[in-house]
């Protein structure tokens, strides 16, 4: 079943964050990921979300965790987390009713 990595955050250091954007893409493909949304100016509908929203689809939670915990991603993760504030979650997809 598909799984979705959803991040919502505010960039606190634009110059250093740009380094993350330049290198994250190649870490995704080996894990079957598909970027469904990546919006630096997402529009709030409820609550007080941050500006940046990213939604990445993976074939499964295991694939998503494989990407997140991979040495390649862990090496660049601080480029995002040290230069932004926000949250990220992993959510299971839902099978369509039959």
Protein backbone atom coordinates (compact mmCIF):
# COMPACT_ATOMS: atom_id res chain seq x y z
CA UNK A 1 0.00 0.00 0.00
CA UNK A 2 1.28 3.48 -0.87
CA UNK A 3 2.58 5.81 1.82
CA UNK A 4 3.01 9.56 1.84
CA UNK A 5 5.76 11.66 3.38
CA UNK A 6 4.23 15.06 4.12
CA UNK A 7 6.36 17.96 5.31
CA UNK A 8 5.21 21.45 6.22
CA UNK A 9 7.86 23.92 7.27
CA UNK A 10 9.18 27.45 7.23
CA UNK A 11 12.65 28.12 5.85
CA UNK A 12 14.80 29.99 8.37
CA UNK A 13 18.06 30.18 6.38
CA UNK A 14 17.42 30.48 2.65
CA UNK A 15 21.05 30.35 1.49
CA UNK A 16 21.91 27.11 3.27
CA UNK A 17 18.49 25.57 2.54
CA UNK A 18 19.13 25.97 -1.20
CA UNK A 19 21.87 23.34 -0.86
CA UNK A 20 19.21 20.81 0.26
CA UNK A 21 16.98 21.51 -2.73
CA UNK A 22 19.90 20.92 -5.06
CA UNK A 23 20.73 17.43 -3.72
CA UNK A 24 17.56 15.79 -2.39
CA UNK A 25 16.14 14.67 -5.75
CA UNK A 26 18.62 11.87 -6.51
CA UNK A 27 18.03 10.29 -3.09
CA UNK A 28 14.36 9.65 -3.94
CA UNK A 29 14.43 7.60 -7.15
CA UNK A 30 16.06 4.47 -5.72
CA UNK A 31 13.13 4.18 -3.29
CA UNK A 32 10.36 4.49 -5.89
CA UNK A 33 9.35 7.97 -4.76
CA UNK A 34 7.18 10.40 -6.67
CA UNK A 35 6.99 14.05 -5.64
CA UNK A 36 3.29 14.94 -5.78
CA UNK A 37 3.56 18.48 -4.41
CA UNK A 38 6.39 20.86 -3.59
CA UNK A 39 5.04 24.34 -2.97
CA UNK A 40 7.12 27.06 -1.29
CA UNK A 41 4.02 29.26 -1.03
CA UNK A 42 1.26 26.86 -0.01
CA UNK A 43 -2.01 28.51 0.97
CA UNK A 44 -3.33 28.07 4.51
CA UNK A 45 -6.85 26.67 4.68
CA UNK A 46 -7.02 25.91 8.42
CA UNK A 47 -4.83 26.55 11.42
CA UNK A 48 -1.40 28.11 11.14
CA UNK A 49 0.65 26.01 8.72
CA UNK A 50 4.05 27.06 7.44
CA UNK A 51 4.81 28.23 3.89
CA UNK A 52 6.49 25.16 2.38
CA UNK A 53 4.51 21.97 1.81
CA UNK A 54 5.95 18.83 0.25
CA UNK A 55 4.10 15.58 -0.45
CA UNK A 56 6.09 12.56 -1.63
CA UNK A 57 4.44 9.26 -2.55
CA UNK A 58 6.25 5.98 -1.90
CA UNK A 59 5.20 2.43 -2.80
CA UNK A 60 4.98 1.58 0.92
CA UNK A 61 5.86 2.79 4.40
CA UNK A 62 8.87 0.49 4.27
CA UNK A 63 10.10 2.22 1.09
CA UNK A 64 9.60 5.65 2.67
CA UNK A 65 11.48 4.62 5.80
CA UNK A 66 14.19 3.11 3.61
CA UNK A 67 14.65 6.48 1.92
CA UNK A 68 14.46 8.52 5.13
CA UNK A 69 16.93 6.28 6.97
CA UNK A 70 19.28 5.77 4.02
CA UNK A 71 22.86 7.00 4.46
CA UNK A 72 22.40 9.22 1.40
CA UNK A 73 19.40 11.04 2.84
CA UNK A 74 20.67 11.16 6.41
CA UNK A 75 23.82 12.88 5.10
CA UNK A 76 21.78 15.76 3.66
CA UNK A 77 18.84 15.87 6.11
CA UNK A 78 20.51 18.52 8.33
CA UNK A 79 20.50 20.87 5.34
CA UNK A 80 16.71 20.92 5.74
CA UNK A 81 16.25 20.50 9.48
CA UNK A 82 18.98 22.96 10.47
CA UNK A 83 17.59 25.60 8.12
CA UNK A 84 13.86 25.28 8.69
CA UNK A 85 11.19 24.84 11.35
CA UNK A 86 8.16 22.62 10.98
CA UNK A 87 6.97 19.06 10.91
CA UNK A 88 7.01 15.93 8.77
CA UNK A 89 4.80 12.86 8.96
CA UNK A 90 4.51 9.51 7.23
CA UNK A 91 0.93 8.50 6.43
CA UNK A 92 -0.35 5.25 4.98
CA UNK A 93 -2.38 5.42 1.81
CA UNK A 94 -5.84 3.99 1.61
CA UNK A 95 -7.03 1.22 -0.64
CA UNK A 96 -10.02 2.27 -2.74
CA UNK A 97 -13.30 0.58 -1.79
CA UNK A 98 -14.16 -2.42 -3.91
